[in-house]
Amino acid sequence: MTLNENIKQLRMARNLSQADLAKALGVTKQSISNWENNNIQPSIDMVIHLAEYFSVSTDYLLGLDQRKYIEITGLTDQQLAHIAAVIHDIQGN
């Protein structure tokens, strides 16, 4: 997938409108629309901000890598074990 497709997919997966995402990122709704329609590209700084916001790598956003991650900094070992168990169950392992 391409950058514009990834931005739209990530936004829609979180049930965000373009206006919601624009507000969260401090840009206009028109900027989001332009990115998603591949009219313009976000700046490098905004790609980084998008990656942080959606908890994906910049490589994922750019379509270079399909791995996703979840930010777990600050969780206890018990919380991490619980999350690992949930992921294990979802994956059917």
C-alpha atoms as a PDB file:
ATOM      1  CA  MET A   1       0.000   0.000   0.000  1.00  0.00           C
ATOM      2  CA  THR A   2       1.045   3.594  -0.496  1.00  0.00           C
ATOM      3  CA  LEU A   3       1.341   6.418   2.016  1.00  0.00           C
ATOM      4  CA  ASN A   4      -2.022   7.935   1.114  1.00  0.00           C
ATOM      5  CA  GLU A   5      -3.765   4.547   1.343  1.00  0.00           C
ATOM      6  CA  ASN A   6      -2.125   3.775   4.687  1.00  0.00           C
ATOM      7  CA  ILE A   7      -3.152   7.103   6.202  1.00  0.00           C
ATOM      8  CA  LYS A   8      -6.762   6.561   5.135  1.00  0.00           C
ATOM      9  CA  GLN A   9      -6.820   2.926   6.282  1.00  0.00           C
ATOM     10  CA  LEU A  10      -5.374   3.766   9.708  1.00  0.00           C
ATOM     11  CA  ARG A  11      -7.776   6.690  10.149  1.00  0.00           C
ATOM     12  CA  MET A  12     -10.811   4.642   9.181  1.00  0.00           C
ATOM     13  CA  ALA A  13      -9.761   1.670  11.339  1.00  0.00           C
ATOM     14  CA  ARG A  14      -9.958   4.006  14.330  1.00  0.00           C
ATOM     15  CA  ASN A  15     -13.327   5.429  13.248  1.00  0.00           C
ATOM     16  CA  LEU A  16     -11.869   8.916  12.902  1.00  0.00           C
ATOM     17  CA  SER A  17     -13.206  11.504  10.512  1.00  0.00           C
ATOM     18  CA  GLN A  18     -10.757  13.579   8.533  1.00  0.00           C
ATOM     19  CA  ALA A  19     -11.677  16.478  10.822  1.00  0.00           C
ATOM     20  CA  ASP A  20     -10.931  14.372  13.934  1.00  0.00           C
ATOM     21  CA  LEU A  21      -7.500  13.398  12.628  1.00  0.00           C
ATOM     22  CA  ALA A  22      -6.768  16.957  11.518  1.00  0.00           C
ATOM     23  CA  LYS A  23      -7.572  18.267  15.008  1.00  0.00           C
ATOM     24  CA  ALA A  24      -5.375  15.623  16.658  1.00  0.00           C
ATOM     25  CA  LEU A  25      -2.449  16.504  14.380  1.00  0.00           C
ATOM     26  CA  GLY A  26      -2.938  20.276  14.400  1.00  0.00           C
ATOM     27  CA  VAL A  27      -3.578  20.555  10.652  1.00  0.00           C
ATOM     28  CA  THR A  28      -6.612  21.312   8.504  1.00  0.00           C
ATOM     29  CA  LYS A  29      -9.162  18.791   7.279  1.00  0.00           C
ATOM     30  CA  GLN A  30      -8.110  19.821   3.774  1.00  0.00           C
ATOM     31  CA  SER A  31      -4.555  18.642   4.527  1.00  0.00           C
ATOM     32  CA  ILE A  32      -5.839  15.203   5.503  1.00  0.00           C
ATOM     33  CA  SER A  33      -8.010  15.076   2.383  1.00  0.00           C
ATOM     34  CA  ASN A  34      -5.083  16.076   0.182  1.00  0.00           C
ATOM     35  CA  TRP A  35      -2.832  13.425   1.731  1.00  0.00           C
ATOM     36  CA  GLU A  36      -5.450  10.700   1.353  1.00  0.00           C
ATOM     37  CA  ASN A  37      -6.207  11.679  -2.245  1.00  0.00           C
ATOM     38  CA  ASN A  38      -2.493  11.782  -3.042  1.00  0.00           C
ATOM     39  CA  ASN A  39      -2.678  15.439  -4.078  1.00  0.00           C
ATOM     40  CA  ILE A  40       0.167  16.411  -1.755  1.00  0.00           C
ATOM     41  CA  GLN A  41       2.478  14.547   0.595  1.00  0.00           C
ATOM     42  CA  PRO A  42       2.836  15.313   4.300  1.00  0.00           C
ATOM     43  CA  SER A  43       6.160  16.760   5.405  1.00  0.00           C
ATOM     44  CA  ILE A  44       8.788  14.444   6.844  1.00  0.00           C
ATOM     45  CA  ASP A  45       8.028  15.831  10.299  1.00  0.00           C
ATOM     46  CA  MET A  46       4.322  15.092   9.786  1.00  0.00           C
ATOM     47  CA  VAL A  47       5.066  11.534   8.602  1.00  0.00           C
ATOM     48  CA  ILE A  48       6.905  11.016  11.886  1.00  0.00           C
ATOM     49  CA  HIS A  49       3.994  12.535  13.809  1.00  0.00           C
ATOM     50  CA  LEU A  50       1.505  10.320  11.933  1.00  0.00           C
ATOM     51  CA  ALA A  51       3.595   7.243  12.723  1.00  0.00           C
ATOM     52  CA  GLU A  52       3.675   8.128  16.406  1.00  0.00           C
ATOM     53  CA  TYR A  53      -0.048   8.905  16.461  1.00  0.00           C
ATOM     54  CA  PHE A  54      -0.999   5.601  14.825  1.00  0.00           C
ATOM     55  CA  SER A  55       1.703   3.560  16.626  1.00  0.00           C
ATOM     56  CA  VAL A  56       3.291   2.349  13.400  1.00  0.00           C
ATOM     57  CA  SER A  57       6.751   2.842  11.956  1.00  0.00           C
ATOM     58  CA  THR A  58       7.463   5.403   9.278  1.00  0.00           C
ATOM     59  CA  ASP A  59       8.412   2.458   7.060  1.00  0.00           C
ATOM     60  CA  TYR A  60       4.923   1.040   7.601  1.00  0.00           C
ATOM     61  CA  LEU A  61       3.317   4.357   6.664  1.00  0.00           C
ATOM     62  CA  LEU A  62       5.463   4.567   3.530  1.00  0.00           C
ATOM     63  CA  GLY A  63       4.531   1.024   2.523  1.00  0.00           C
ATOM     64  CA  LEU A  64       8.039  -0.376   3.047  1.00  0.00           C
ATOM     65  CA  ASP A  65       7.236  -2.641   5.998  1.00  0.00           C
ATOM     66  CA  GLN A  66       4.003  -4.275   7.139  1.00  0.00           C
ATOM     67  CA  ARG A  67       4.902  -4.744  10.815  1.00  0.00           C
ATOM     68  CA  LYS A  68       2.842  -2.901  13.429  1.00  0.00           C
ATOM     69  CA  TYR A  69       3.628  -2.269  17.069  1.00  0.00           C
ATOM     70  CA  ILE A  70       1.892  -1.330  20.283  1.00  0.00           C
ATOM     71  CA  GLU A  71       3.461   1.168  22.656  1.00  0.00           C
ATOM     72  CA  ILE A  72       3.907  -0.616  25.997  1.00  0.00           C
ATOM     73  CA  THR A  73       6.235   1.759  27.790  1.00  0.00           C
ATOM     74  CA  GLY A  74       5.161   2.222  31.387  1.00  0.00           C
ATOM     75  CA  LEU A  75       3.138  -0.970  31.700  1.00  0.00           C
ATOM     76  CA  THR A  76       3.877  -3.385  34.506  1.00  0.00           C
ATOM     77  CA  ASP A  77       5.134  -6.901  33.892  1.00  0.00           C
ATOM     78  CA  GLN A  78       1.709  -8.190  34.917  1.00  0.00           C
ATOM     79  CA  GLN A  79      -0.019  -5.918  32.393  1.00  0.00           C
ATOM     80  CA  LEU A  80       2.432  -7.005  29.680  1.00  0.00           C
ATOM     81  CA  ALA A  81       1.754 -10.665  30.463  1.00  0.00           C
ATOM     82  CA  HIS A  82      -1.981 -10.030  30.172  1.00  0.00           C
ATOM     83  CA  ILE A  83      -1.573  -8.295  26.803  1.00  0.00           C
ATOM     84  CA  ALA A  84       0.672 -11.102  25.553  1.00  0.00           C
ATOM     85  CA  ALA A  85      -1.985 -13.648  26.573  1.00  0.00           C
ATOM     86  CA  VAL A  86      -4.720 -11.716  24.760  1.00  0.00           C
ATOM     87  CA  ILE A  87      -2.598 -11.494  21.598  1.00  0.00           C
ATOM     88  CA  HIS A  88      -1.816 -15.195  21.860  1.00  0.00           C
ATOM     89  CA  ASP A  89      -5.543 -16.000  22.126  1.00  0.00           C
ATOM     90  CA  ILE A  90      -6.451 -13.761  19.189  1.00  0.00           C
ATOM     91  CA  GLN A  91      -3.794 -15.343  17.002  1.00  0.00           C
ATOM     92  CA  GLY A  92      -5.148 -18.767  17.920  1.00  0.00           C
ATOM     93  CA  ASN A  93      -1.797 -20.105  19.101  1.00  0.00           C
END
